[in-house]
Amino acid sequence: MVEKPKFNLIMEKFSIQNIEKISSLNSELEVEKASNLFLKLRVLAKENESYQVLRKHLSKLIKDYEDKNWSSSDNITNEQIKESDLAEQIVQAESNFYSKRKEIIRKKLKESGLNQTDLAKILGHRKGYVSELINGIRPFSKEDLIIINRLFKIELENLIPTFIKEDKVLHIRKTLKSIPKSRIRLTKKDIDLNLENYIAQHRV
């Protein structure tokens, strides 16, 4: 199996503007991301046929990966199955977060007498672009999220995933131990904001 890519790099890789640049899938997490995006684009493709091109590309990437890694049951390892299960949980947690964020934004828009087209005008984007943002297939910019936070009083933790990447957690722990005079006293809850806890927090 290929070494797992970093989670944040995968999120960027599967932003909709980068899909056609992907030549192959290299991990279970990537194939789960591709599968999830393939399903999300199905709804948008009904309104805009240009998304069908992306869906076909994703379908080919998924098939190529599965043919290479899952076609022979004799070559499937327990480690591979565990990696696949974890990848599914990570992508499901991320999907749950985006669904919750979409519901919150739409509710706030309705309460304010606005709709998605109005939000597009406020942010200075086209309507289709904002639809991609709200559906989690294109990342919001920092400025967009700050505007939404300020205008609609939505907590940032409901707009931005607040987990800390696993490699950064290890770095923080190591650094704090090396600073004897540090007055920072982080609890286990404070520091253990890695992907596994993020999954647990957003599991249905």
N, C-alpha and C. Protein backbone atom coordinates (compact mmCIF):
# COMPACT_ATOMS: atom_id res chain seq x y z
N MET A 1 0.84 -1.20 0.00
CA MET A 1 0.00 0.00 0.00
C MET A 1 0.87 1.25 0.00
N VAL A 2 0.41 2.29 -0.68
CA VAL A 2 1.14 3.55 -0.73
C VAL A 2 0.95 4.29 0.58
N GLU A 3 1.98 4.99 1.04
CA GLU A 3 1.90 5.75 2.28
C GLU A 3 0.77 6.76 2.19
N LYS A 4 0.03 6.93 3.30
CA LYS A 4 -1.11 7.84 3.30
C LYS A 4 -0.67 9.29 3.15
N PRO A 5 -1.31 10.04 2.25
CA PRO A 5 -1.00 11.46 2.14
C PRO A 5 -1.55 12.21 3.35
N LYS A 6 -1.04 13.40 3.62
CA LYS A 6 -1.54 14.22 4.71
C LYS A 6 -2.97 14.64 4.40
N PHE A 7 -3.81 14.69 5.47
CA PHE A 7 -5.23 14.94 5.31
C PHE A 7 -5.51 16.30 4.67
N ASN A 8 -4.76 17.33 5.10
CA ASN A 8 -5.03 18.66 4.55
C ASN A 8 -4.68 18.74 3.07
N LEU A 9 -3.64 18.02 2.64
CA LEU A 9 -3.27 18.01 1.23
C LEU A 9 -4.33 17.31 0.40
N ILE A 10 -4.95 16.29 0.97
CA ILE A 10 -6.00 15.57 0.26
C ILE A 10 -7.23 16.45 0.09
N MET A 11 -7.54 17.23 1.15
CA MET A 11 -8.68 18.14 1.06
C MET A 11 -8.48 19.13 -0.08
N GLU A 12 -7.26 19.64 -0.21
CA GLU A 12 -6.95 20.59 -1.29
C GLU A 12 -6.99 19.89 -2.64
N LYS A 13 -6.45 18.70 -2.70
CA LYS A 13 -6.40 17.94 -3.95
C LYS A 13 -7.79 17.71 -4.52
N PHE A 14 -8.77 17.49 -3.63
CA PHE A 14 -10.12 17.17 -4.08
C PHE A 14 -11.06 18.36 -4.08
N SER A 15 -10.50 19.56 -3.98
CA SER A 15 -11.30 20.75 -4.26
C SER A 15 -11.67 20.71 -5.73
N ILE A 16 -12.88 21.12 -6.05
CA ILE A 16 -13.42 20.88 -7.39
C ILE A 16 -12.56 21.44 -8.51
N GLN A 17 -11.85 22.55 -8.24
CA GLN A 17 -11.04 23.14 -9.30
C GLN A 17 -9.80 22.31 -9.64
N ASN A 18 -9.51 21.31 -8.78
CA ASN A 18 -8.31 20.49 -9.00
C ASN A 18 -8.59 19.08 -9.51
N ILE A 19 -9.86 18.73 -9.63
CA ILE A 19 -10.24 17.34 -9.96
C ILE A 19 -9.61 16.85 -11.26
N GLU A 20 -9.70 17.64 -12.29
CA GLU A 20 -9.21 17.18 -13.60
C GLU A 20 -7.69 17.06 -13.65
N LYS A 21 -7.01 17.60 -12.65
CA LYS A 21 -5.55 17.50 -12.60
C LYS A 21 -5.10 16.17 -11.98
N ILE A 22 -6.03 15.46 -11.33
CA ILE A 22 -5.67 14.20 -10.66
C ILE A 22 -5.48 13.10 -11.69
N SER A 23 -4.33 12.47 -11.65
CA SER A 23 -4.04 11.40 -12.62
C SER A 23 -4.28 10.01 -12.03
N SER A 24 -4.23 9.91 -10.69
CA SER A 24 -4.45 8.61 -10.05
C SER A 24 -4.77 8.82 -8.58
N LEU A 25 -5.39 7.81 -7.97
CA LEU A 25 -5.68 7.80 -6.53
C LEU A 25 -4.63 6.94 -5.85
N ASN A 26 -4.12 7.41 -4.71
CA ASN A 26 -2.97 6.74 -4.10
C ASN A 26 -3.20 6.19 -2.70
N SER A 27 -4.43 6.26 -2.21
CA SER A 27 -4.70 5.73 -0.87
C SER A 27 -6.20 5.49 -0.71
N GLU A 28 -6.55 4.77 0.36
CA GLU A 28 -7.96 4.52 0.65
C GLU A 28 -8.69 5.83 0.96
N LEU A 29 -8.00 6.75 1.62
CA LEU A 29 -8.61 8.04 1.93
C LEU A 29 -8.94 8.81 0.65
N GLU A 30 -8.04 8.74 -0.31
CA GLU A 30 -8.30 9.43 -1.57
C GLU A 30 -9.46 8.80 -2.33
N VAL A 31 -9.56 7.49 -2.31
CA VAL A 31 -10.66 6.86 -3.05
C VAL A 31 -11.99 7.13 -2.36
N GLU A 32 -12.00 7.24 -1.03
CA GLU A 32 -13.22 7.60 -0.31
C GLU A 32 -13.63 9.04 -0.62
N LYS A 33 -12.63 9.94 -0.67
CA LYS A 33 -12.91 11.33 -1.02
C LYS A 33 -13.49 11.41 -2.43
N ALA A 34 -12.90 10.65 -3.35
CA ALA A 34 -13.36 10.66 -4.73
C ALA A 34 -14.79 10.12 -4.83
N SER A 35 -15.08 9.05 -4.10
CA SER A 35 -16.42 8.45 -4.12
C SER A 35 -17.46 9.40 -3.55
N ASN A 36 -17.09 10.07 -2.46
CA ASN A 36 -18.00 11.02 -1.83
C ASN A 36 -18.29 12.20 -2.76
N LEU A 37 -17.26 12.70 -3.40
CA LEU A 37 -17.43 13.83 -4.32
C LEU A 37 -18.24 13.41 -5.55
N PHE A 38 -18.03 12.19 -6.01
CA PHE A 38 -18.79 11.65 -7.14
C PHE A 38 -20.29 11.71 -6.85
N LEU A 39 -20.68 11.35 -5.63
CA LEU A 39 -22.09 11.38 -5.24
C LEU A 39 -22.61 12.80 -5.10
N LYS A 40 -21.80 13.68 -4.52
CA LYS A 40 -22.22 15.07 -4.35
C LYS A 40 -22.48 15.75 -5.69
N LEU A 41 -21.65 15.44 -6.66
CA LEU A 41 -21.78 16.08 -7.97
C LEU A 41 -22.98 15.58 -8.76
N ARG A 42 -23.54 14.47 -8.33
CA ARG A 42 -24.72 13.93 -9.04
C ARG A 42 -25.87 14.93 -9.00
N VAL A 43 -26.09 15.54 -7.84
CA VAL A 43 -27.18 16.50 -7.69
C VAL A 43 -26.90 17.75 -8.52
N LEU A 44 -25.67 18.26 -8.43
CA LEU A 44 -25.32 19.47 -9.17
C LEU A 44 -25.35 19.24 -10.68
N ALA A 45 -25.04 18.01 -11.09
CA ALA A 45 -24.99 17.69 -12.52
C ALA A 45 -26.37 17.78 -13.17
N LYS A 46 -27.43 17.65 -12.37
CA LYS A 46 -28.78 17.76 -12.90
C LYS A 46 -29.08 19.19 -13.35
N GLU A 47 -28.40 20.15 -12.72
CA GLU A 47 -28.60 21.56 -13.05
C GLU A 47 -27.54 22.08 -14.02
N ASN A 48 -26.38 21.44 -14.02
CA ASN A 48 -25.27 21.90 -14.86
C ASN A 48 -24.52 20.69 -15.40
N GLU A 49 -24.64 20.45 -16.70
CA GLU A 49 -24.06 19.26 -17.31
C GLU A 49 -22.53 19.24 -17.28
N SER A 50 -21.91 20.39 -17.03
CA SER A 50 -20.44 20.43 -16.99
C SER A 50 -19.87 19.56 -15.88
N TYR A 51 -20.69 19.32 -14.85
CA TYR A 51 -20.22 18.48 -13.74
C TYR A 51 -20.12 17.01 -14.15
N GLN A 52 -20.82 16.64 -15.23
CA GLN A 52 -20.77 15.25 -15.70
C GLN A 52 -19.35 14.87 -16.12
N VAL A 53 -18.62 15.81 -16.68
CA VAL A 53 -17.24 15.55 -17.09
C VAL A 53 -16.39 15.18 -15.87
N LEU A 54 -16.59 15.90 -14.77
CA LEU A 54 -15.85 15.62 -13.55
C LEU A 54 -16.26 14.27 -12.97
N ARG A 55 -17.55 13.95 -13.04
CA ARG A 55 -18.02 12.67 -12.51
C ARG A 55 -17.42 11.51 -13.30
N LYS A 56 -17.34 11.65 -14.60
CA LYS A 56 -16.75 10.59 -15.43
C LYS A 56 -15.27 10.40 -15.09
N HIS A 57 -14.58 11.51 -14.86
CA HIS A 57 -13.16 11.43 -14.51
C HIS A 57 -12.98 10.75 -13.16
N LEU A 58 -13.82 11.13 -12.19
CA LEU A 58 -13.76 10.51 -10.87
C LEU A 58 -14.07 9.02 -10.94
N SER A 59 -15.07 8.68 -11.74
CA SER A 59 -15.46 7.27 -11.90
C SER A 59 -14.30 6.44 -12.43
N LYS A 60 -13.58 6.97 -13.39
CA LYS A 60 -12.43 6.26 -13.95
C LYS A 60 -11.32 6.11 -12.91
N LEU A 61 -11.06 7.18 -12.15
CA LEU A 61 -10.02 7.13 -11.11
C LEU A 61 -10.35 6.06 -10.07
N ILE A 62 -11.61 6.02 -9.66
CA ILE A 62 -12.05 5.04 -8.65
C ILE A 62 -11.91 3.62 -9.18
N LYS A 63 -12.38 3.40 -10.41
CA LYS A 63 -12.29 2.06 -11.02
C LYS A 63 -10.84 1.61 -11.15
N ASP A 64 -9.97 2.50 -11.60
CA ASP A 64 -8.56 2.14 -11.77
C ASP A 64 -7.93 1.75 -10.44
N TYR A 65 -8.27 2.49 -9.38
CA TYR A 65 -7.71 2.19 -8.06
C TYR A 65 -8.22 0.84 -7.56
N GLU A 66 -9.52 0.62 -7.68
CA GLU A 66 -10.11 -0.63 -7.18
C GLU A 66 -9.62 -1.84 -7.97
N ASP A 67 -9.47 -1.68 -9.27
CA ASP A 67 -8.94 -2.77 -10.10
C ASP A 67 -7.52 -3.14 -9.66
N LYS A 68 -6.76 -2.14 -9.28
CA LYS A 68 -5.37 -2.36 -8.90
C LYS A 68 -5.23 -2.92 -7.49
N ASN A 69 -6.08 -2.47 -6.56
CA ASN A 69 -5.89 -2.79 -5.15
C ASN A 69 -6.90 -3.76 -4.54
N TRP A 70 -8.07 -3.93 -5.20
CA TRP A 70 -9.11 -4.75 -4.59
C TRP A 70 -9.62 -5.88 -5.50
N SER A 71 -9.04 -6.03 -6.66
CA SER A 71 -9.57 -7.02 -7.61
C SER A 71 -9.28 -8.46 -7.20
N SER A 72 -8.18 -8.66 -6.47
CA SER A 72 -7.81 -10.02 -6.06
C SER A 72 -7.96 -10.16 -4.55
N SER A 73 -8.89 -11.00 -4.12
CA SER A 73 -9.12 -11.19 -2.68
C SER A 73 -7.91 -11.79 -1.98
N ASP A 74 -7.09 -12.50 -2.71
CA ASP A 74 -5.90 -13.12 -2.11
C ASP A 74 -4.86 -12.08 -1.69
N ASN A 75 -4.91 -10.92 -2.30
CA ASN A 75 -3.90 -9.89 -2.02
C ASN A 75 -4.39 -8.81 -1.05
N ILE A 76 -5.63 -8.93 -0.60
CA ILE A 76 -6.18 -7.93 0.33
C ILE A 76 -5.73 -8.26 1.74
N THR A 77 -5.11 -7.29 2.40
CA THR A 77 -4.58 -7.50 3.76
C THR A 77 -5.50 -6.89 4.81
N ASN A 78 -5.30 -7.32 6.06
CA ASN A 78 -6.07 -6.75 7.17
C ASN A 78 -5.76 -5.26 7.33
N GLU A 79 -4.51 -4.91 7.10
CA GLU A 79 -4.11 -3.50 7.19
C GLU A 79 -4.86 -2.66 6.15
N GLN A 80 -5.01 -3.23 4.97
CA GLN A 80 -5.72 -2.53 3.90
C GLN A 80 -7.19 -2.32 4.28
N ILE A 81 -7.79 -3.34 4.88
CA ILE A 81 -9.19 -3.24 5.30
C ILE A 81 -9.36 -2.20 6.39
N LYS A 82 -8.42 -2.18 7.36
CA LYS A 82 -8.48 -1.20 8.43
C LYS A 82 -8.32 0.22 7.88
N GLU A 83 -7.41 0.37 6.94
CA GLU A 83 -7.19 1.68 6.32
C GLU A 83 -8.45 2.14 5.60
N SER A 84 -9.11 1.21 4.93
CA SER A 84 -10.34 1.53 4.21
C SER A 84 -11.45 1.94 5.17
N ASP A 85 -11.58 1.21 6.28
CA ASP A 85 -12.61 1.53 7.28
C ASP A 85 -12.38 2.90 7.89
N LEU A 86 -11.12 3.20 8.23
CA LEU A 86 -10.80 4.50 8.82
C LEU A 86 -11.05 5.62 7.81
N ALA A 87 -10.68 5.39 6.57
CA ALA A 87 -10.90 6.40 5.52
C ALA A 87 -12.38 6.70 5.37
N GLU A 88 -13.20 5.65 5.42
CA GLU A 88 -14.64 5.83 5.30
C GLU A 88 -15.18 6.67 6.45
N GLN A 89 -14.68 6.42 7.66
CA GLN A 89 -15.12 7.18 8.83
C GLN A 89 -14.70 8.64 8.74
N ILE A 90 -13.48 8.88 8.28
CA ILE A 90 -12.97 10.25 8.16
C ILE A 90 -13.81 11.04 7.17
N VAL A 91 -14.06 10.46 6.01
CA VAL A 91 -14.82 11.15 4.97
C VAL A 91 -16.27 11.35 5.41
N GLN A 92 -16.83 10.38 6.13
CA GLN A 92 -18.19 10.53 6.62
C GLN A 92 -18.28 11.65 7.65
N ALA A 93 -17.27 11.75 8.52
CA ALA A 93 -17.23 12.82 9.52
C ALA A 93 -17.15 14.18 8.83
N GLU A 94 -16.30 14.26 7.83
CA GLU A 94 -16.17 15.51 7.08
C GLU A 94 -17.48 15.86 6.39
N SER A 95 -18.12 14.87 5.79
CA SER A 95 -19.38 15.08 5.10
C SER A 95 -20.46 15.55 6.07
N ASN A 96 -20.48 14.96 7.27
CA ASN A 96 -21.44 15.36 8.29
C ASN A 96 -21.24 16.82 8.69
N PHE A 97 -19.96 17.21 8.81
CA PHE A 97 -19.66 18.60 9.17
C PHE A 97 -20.19 19.55 8.11
N TYR A 98 -19.91 19.25 6.84
CA TYR A 98 -20.35 20.14 5.76
C TYR A 98 -21.88 20.19 5.66
N SER A 99 -22.54 19.07 5.91
CA SER A 99 -24.01 19.04 5.88
C SER A 99 -24.59 19.92 6.98
N LYS A 100 -23.99 19.81 8.17
CA LYS A 100 -24.45 20.62 9.29
C LYS A 100 -24.21 22.10 9.01
N ARG A 101 -23.03 22.42 8.46
CA ARG A 101 -22.72 23.82 8.13
C ARG A 101 -23.71 24.37 7.11
N LYS A 102 -24.03 23.56 6.11
CA LYS A 102 -24.98 23.99 5.08
C LYS A 102 -26.34 24.30 5.68
N GLU A 103 -26.81 23.44 6.59
CA GLU A 103 -28.10 23.65 7.24
C GLU A 103 -28.10 24.93 8.05
N ILE A 104 -27.00 25.18 8.77
CA ILE A 104 -26.91 26.38 9.61
C ILE A 104 -26.93 27.64 8.75
N ILE A 105 -26.14 27.65 7.66
CA ILE A 105 -26.09 28.82 6.79
C ILE A 105 -27.45 29.08 6.15
N ARG A 106 -28.10 28.03 5.67
CA ARG A 106 -29.41 28.20 5.03
C ARG A 106 -30.45 28.70 6.02
N LYS A 107 -30.38 28.22 7.26
CA LYS A 107 -31.31 28.67 8.29
C LYS A 107 -31.11 30.14 8.58
N LYS A 108 -29.85 30.56 8.70
CA LYS A 108 -29.55 31.96 8.97
C LYS A 108 -29.97 32.86 7.81
N LEU A 109 -29.79 32.38 6.59
CA LEU A 109 -30.23 33.14 5.43
C LEU A 109 -31.74 33.35 5.46
N LYS A 110 -32.47 32.29 5.75
CA LYS A 110 -33.93 32.37 5.79
C LYS A 110 -34.39 33.32 6.89
N GLU A 111 -33.76 33.23 8.06
CA GLU A 111 -34.11 34.12 9.17
C GLU A 111 -33.85 35.58 8.82
N SER A 112 -32.88 35.80 7.93
CA SER A 112 -32.50 37.17 7.54
C SER A 112 -33.26 37.66 6.31
N GLY A 113 -34.16 36.84 5.79
CA GLY A 113 -34.92 37.23 4.61
C GLY A 113 -34.09 37.19 3.34
N LEU A 114 -33.06 36.36 3.34
CA LEU A 114 -32.17 36.26 2.19
C LEU A 114 -32.19 34.85 1.62
N ASN A 115 -31.63 34.69 0.43
CA ASN A 115 -31.47 33.37 -0.15
C ASN A 115 -30.03 33.19 -0.63
N GLN A 116 -29.76 32.06 -1.26
CA GLN A 116 -28.39 31.75 -1.68
C GLN A 116 -27.88 32.71 -2.76
N THR A 117 -28.80 33.18 -3.60
CA THR A 117 -28.42 34.15 -4.63
C THR A 117 -27.97 35.46 -3.99
N ASP A 118 -28.68 35.85 -2.93
CA ASP A 118 -28.29 37.07 -2.20
C ASP A 118 -26.92 36.90 -1.56
N LEU A 119 -26.66 35.72 -1.00
CA LEU A 119 -25.36 35.46 -0.39
C LEU A 119 -24.25 35.56 -1.43
N ALA A 120 -24.53 35.06 -2.63
CA ALA A 120 -23.54 35.13 -3.71
C ALA A 120 -23.20 36.58 -4.02
N LYS A 121 -24.22 37.44 -4.04
CA LYS A 121 -23.99 38.86 -4.31
C LYS A 121 -23.17 39.50 -3.19
N ILE A 122 -23.48 39.14 -1.94
CA ILE A 122 -22.77 39.69 -0.79
C ILE A 122 -21.29 39.31 -0.83
N LEU A 123 -21.02 38.05 -1.15
CA LEU A 123 -19.64 37.56 -1.17
C LEU A 123 -18.91 37.93 -2.46
N GLY A 124 -19.67 38.38 -3.46
CA GLY A 124 -19.05 38.74 -4.73
C GLY A 124 -18.72 37.55 -5.60
N HIS A 125 -19.53 36.48 -5.49
CA HIS A 125 -19.33 35.27 -6.28
C HIS A 125 -20.55 35.02 -7.15
N ARG A 126 -20.38 34.19 -8.18
CA ARG A 126 -21.53 33.75 -8.96
C ARG A 126 -22.32 32.72 -8.14
N LYS A 127 -23.58 32.54 -8.48
CA LYS A 127 -24.46 31.66 -7.72
C LYS A 127 -23.95 30.22 -7.70
N GLY A 128 -23.50 29.72 -8.86
CA GLY A 128 -23.01 28.34 -8.92
C GLY A 128 -21.79 28.13 -8.05
N TYR A 129 -20.94 29.13 -7.98
CA TYR A 129 -19.73 29.06 -7.15
C TYR A 129 -20.10 28.93 -5.68
N VAL A 130 -21.09 29.73 -5.24
CA VAL A 130 -21.54 29.67 -3.85
C VAL A 130 -22.19 28.32 -3.55
N SER A 131 -22.88 27.76 -4.53
CA SER A 131 -23.47 26.44 -4.35
C SER A 131 -22.39 25.40 -4.09
N GLU A 132 -21.27 25.51 -4.80
CA GLU A 132 -20.14 24.61 -4.59
C GLU A 132 -19.55 24.79 -3.20
N LEU A 133 -19.47 26.04 -2.75
CA LEU A 133 -18.94 26.33 -1.41
C LEU A 133 -19.83 25.70 -0.34
N ILE A 134 -21.11 25.96 -0.43
CA ILE A 134 -22.05 25.50 0.59
C ILE A 134 -22.14 23.98 0.63
N ASN A 135 -21.99 23.35 -0.53
CA ASN A 135 -22.07 21.88 -0.58
C ASN A 135 -20.74 21.20 -0.24
N GLY A 136 -19.72 21.99 0.07
CA GLY A 136 -18.46 21.42 0.54
C GLY A 136 -17.58 20.84 -0.55
N ILE A 137 -17.82 21.21 -1.80
CA ILE A 137 -16.97 20.68 -2.86
C ILE A 137 -15.95 21.71 -3.34
N ARG A 138 -16.01 22.89 -2.76
CA ARG A 138 -15.00 23.93 -2.98
C ARG A 138 -14.80 24.63 -1.64
N PRO A 139 -13.57 24.86 -1.20
CA PRO A 139 -13.35 25.46 0.12
C PRO A 139 -13.68 26.95 0.15
N PHE A 140 -14.33 27.38 1.23
CA PHE A 140 -14.54 28.80 1.46
C PHE A 140 -13.18 29.47 1.68
N SER A 141 -13.05 30.70 1.25
CA SER A 141 -11.85 31.46 1.59
C SER A 141 -11.99 31.95 3.03
N LYS A 142 -10.88 32.32 3.64
CA LYS A 142 -10.91 32.86 5.00
C LYS A 142 -11.80 34.09 5.06
N GLU A 143 -11.71 34.94 4.05
CA GLU A 143 -12.51 36.17 4.03
C GLU A 143 -14.00 35.86 3.96
N ASP A 144 -14.38 34.87 3.13
CA ASP A 144 -15.79 34.48 3.03
C ASP A 144 -16.33 34.04 4.38
N LEU A 145 -15.57 33.21 5.09
CA LEU A 145 -16.02 32.68 6.37
C LEU A 145 -16.12 33.78 7.42
N ILE A 146 -15.20 34.73 7.39
CA ILE A 146 -15.26 35.84 8.34
C ILE A 146 -16.50 36.70 8.07
N ILE A 147 -16.80 36.94 6.80
CA ILE A 147 -18.00 37.72 6.45
C ILE A 147 -19.25 37.01 6.93
N ILE A 148 -19.34 35.70 6.69
CA ILE A 148 -20.50 34.92 7.13
C ILE A 148 -20.61 34.93 8.64
N ASN A 149 -19.47 34.79 9.31
CA ASN A 149 -19.43 34.83 10.78
C ASN A 149 -19.94 36.17 11.31
N ARG A 150 -19.48 37.27 10.73
CA ARG A 150 -19.85 38.61 11.20
C ARG A 150 -21.30 38.96 10.88
N LEU A 151 -21.75 38.64 9.67
CA LEU A 151 -23.09 39.01 9.25
C LEU A 151 -24.18 38.17 9.91
N PHE A 152 -23.93 36.87 10.02
CA PHE A 152 -24.99 35.97 10.47
C PHE A 152 -24.76 35.41 11.88
N LYS A 153 -23.67 35.87 12.52
CA LYS A 153 -23.37 35.47 13.91
C LYS A 153 -23.32 33.95 14.06
N ILE A 154 -22.69 33.29 13.09
CA ILE A 154 -22.49 31.84 13.16
C ILE A 154 -21.13 31.59 13.79
N GLU A 155 -21.09 30.74 14.81
CA GLU A 155 -19.83 30.43 15.48
C GLU A 155 -18.82 29.87 14.48
N LEU A 156 -17.56 30.30 14.64
CA LEU A 156 -16.53 29.83 13.71
C LEU A 156 -16.35 28.32 13.76
N GLU A 157 -16.59 27.71 14.92
CA GLU A 157 -16.43 26.25 15.01
C GLU A 157 -17.47 25.52 14.17
N ASN A 158 -18.55 26.22 13.80
CA ASN A 158 -19.55 25.63 12.91
C ASN A 158 -19.26 25.94 11.44
N LEU A 159 -18.24 26.76 11.21
CA LEU A 159 -17.85 27.12 9.85
C LEU A 159 -16.54 26.47 9.43
N ILE A 160 -15.66 26.25 10.42
CA ILE A 160 -14.33 25.72 10.14
C ILE A 160 -14.10 24.47 10.99
N PRO A 161 -13.70 23.33 10.38
CA PRO A 161 -13.34 22.14 11.18
C PRO A 161 -12.21 22.51 12.14
N THR A 162 -12.38 22.19 13.43
CA THR A 162 -11.42 22.66 14.43
C THR A 162 -10.47 21.58 14.92
N PHE A 163 -10.33 20.47 14.17
CA PHE A 163 -9.37 19.46 14.60
C PHE A 163 -7.95 19.90 14.29
N ILE A 164 -7.01 19.34 15.03
CA ILE A 164 -5.58 19.57 14.79
C ILE A 164 -5.02 18.32 14.13
N LYS A 165 -4.24 18.50 13.07
CA LYS A 165 -3.66 17.34 12.38
C LYS A 165 -2.77 16.56 13.33
N GLU A 166 -2.72 15.23 13.09
CA GLU A 166 -2.02 14.34 14.01
C GLU A 166 -0.54 14.68 14.17
N ASP A 167 0.12 15.06 13.06
CA ASP A 167 1.54 15.39 13.16
C ASP A 167 1.76 16.66 13.99
N LYS A 168 0.81 17.60 13.93
CA LYS A 168 0.91 18.83 14.71
C LYS A 168 0.67 18.55 16.20
N VAL A 169 -0.24 17.61 16.50
CA VAL A 169 -0.48 17.23 17.90
C VAL A 169 0.81 16.71 18.53
N LEU A 170 1.51 15.85 17.81
CA LEU A 170 2.77 15.29 18.31
C LEU A 170 3.81 16.39 18.52
N HIS A 171 3.86 17.34 17.60
CA HIS A 171 4.81 18.45 17.71
C HIS A 171 4.51 19.30 18.95
N ILE A 172 3.23 19.60 19.18
CA ILE A 172 2.85 20.43 20.33
C ILE A 172 3.21 19.73 21.63
N ARG A 173 2.89 18.44 21.71
CA ARG A 173 3.21 17.68 22.93
C ARG A 173 4.71 17.71 23.22
N LYS A 174 5.50 17.44 22.19
CA LYS A 174 6.95 17.39 22.34
C LYS A 174 7.51 18.76 22.74
N THR A 175 7.00 19.81 22.11
CA THR A 175 7.49 21.16 22.39
C THR A 175 7.16 21.59 23.81
N LEU A 176 5.95 21.32 24.26
CA LEU A 176 5.56 21.72 25.62
C LEU A 176 6.40 21.01 26.67
N LYS A 177 6.73 19.76 26.41
CA LYS A 177 7.57 19.01 27.35
C LYS A 177 8.98 19.58 27.42
N SER A 178 9.42 20.20 26.33
CA SER A 178 10.79 20.74 26.28
C SER A 178 10.89 22.14 26.88
N ILE A 179 9.76 22.71 27.29
CA ILE A 179 9.75 24.06 27.87
C ILE A 179 9.36 23.95 29.34
N PRO A 180 10.32 23.81 30.23
CA PRO A 180 10.02 23.58 31.65
C PRO A 180 9.26 24.71 32.33
N LYS A 181 9.44 25.94 31.86
CA LYS A 181 8.79 27.08 32.50
C LYS A 181 7.43 27.43 31.88
N SER A 182 7.00 26.60 30.96
CA SER A 182 5.72 26.89 30.30
C SER A 182 4.58 26.82 31.30
N ARG A 183 3.70 27.79 31.24
CA ARG A 183 2.53 27.82 32.12
C ARG A 183 1.29 27.27 31.44
N ILE A 184 1.46 26.81 30.23
CA ILE A 184 0.32 26.23 29.52
C ILE A 184 0.00 24.87 30.11
N ARG A 185 -1.24 24.69 30.46
CA ARG A 185 -1.69 23.41 31.00
C ARG A 185 -2.89 22.94 30.19
N LEU A 186 -2.59 22.23 29.13
CA LEU A 186 -3.66 21.74 28.28
C LEU A 186 -4.17 20.40 28.78
N THR A 187 -5.47 20.26 28.82
CA THR A 187 -6.06 18.99 29.21
C THR A 187 -6.01 18.03 28.04
N LYS A 188 -6.31 16.78 28.32
CA LYS A 188 -6.34 15.77 27.24
C LYS A 188 -7.36 16.18 26.18
N LYS A 189 -8.49 16.76 26.62
CA LYS A 189 -9.52 17.19 25.68
C LYS A 189 -9.01 18.31 24.78
N ASP A 190 -8.19 19.21 25.37
CA ASP A 190 -7.65 20.33 24.59
C ASP A 190 -6.71 19.86 23.49
N ILE A 191 -5.84 18.94 23.83
CA ILE A 191 -4.75 18.58 22.92
C ILE A 191 -5.09 17.45 21.98
N ASP A 192 -5.99 16.56 22.38
CA ASP A 192 -6.27 15.38 21.57
C ASP A 192 -7.32 15.65 20.50
N LEU A 193 -7.19 16.78 19.81
CA LEU A 193 -8.12 17.11 18.74
C LEU A 193 -7.59 16.59 17.42
N ASN A 194 -7.32 15.29 17.39
CA ASN A 194 -6.83 14.71 16.15
C ASN A 194 -8.00 14.14 15.34
N LEU A 195 -7.71 13.48 14.25
CA LEU A 195 -8.76 13.01 13.37
C LEU A 195 -9.70 12.01 14.03
N GLU A 196 -9.16 11.15 14.90
CA GLU A 196 -10.02 10.15 15.52
C GLU A 196 -11.08 10.81 16.39
N ASN A 197 -10.68 11.85 17.16
CA ASN A 197 -11.65 12.55 17.98
C ASN A 197 -12.61 13.36 17.11
N TYR A 198 -12.10 13.90 16.02
CA TYR A 198 -12.96 14.63 15.09
C TYR A 198 -14.04 13.70 14.54
N ILE A 199 -13.63 12.48 14.23
CA ILE A 199 -14.59 11.49 13.74
C ILE A 199 -15.65 11.22 14.79
N ALA A 200 -15.20 11.01 16.04
CA ALA A 200 -16.12 10.70 17.13
C ALA A 200 -17.12 11.83 17.36
N GLN A 201 -16.64 13.07 17.26
CA GLN A 201 -17.49 14.23 17.50
C GLN A 201 -18.58 14.37 16.45
N HIS A 202 -18.30 13.93 15.22
CA HIS A 202 -19.23 14.16 14.12
C HIS A 202 -19.89 12.88 13.62
N ARG A 203 -19.69 11.80 14.34
CA ARG A 203 -20.33 10.55 13.93
C ARG A 203 -21.82 10.60 14.22
N VAL A 204 -22.62 10.13 13.29
CA VAL A 204 -24.07 10.11 13.47
C VAL A 204 -24.46 9.02 14.46
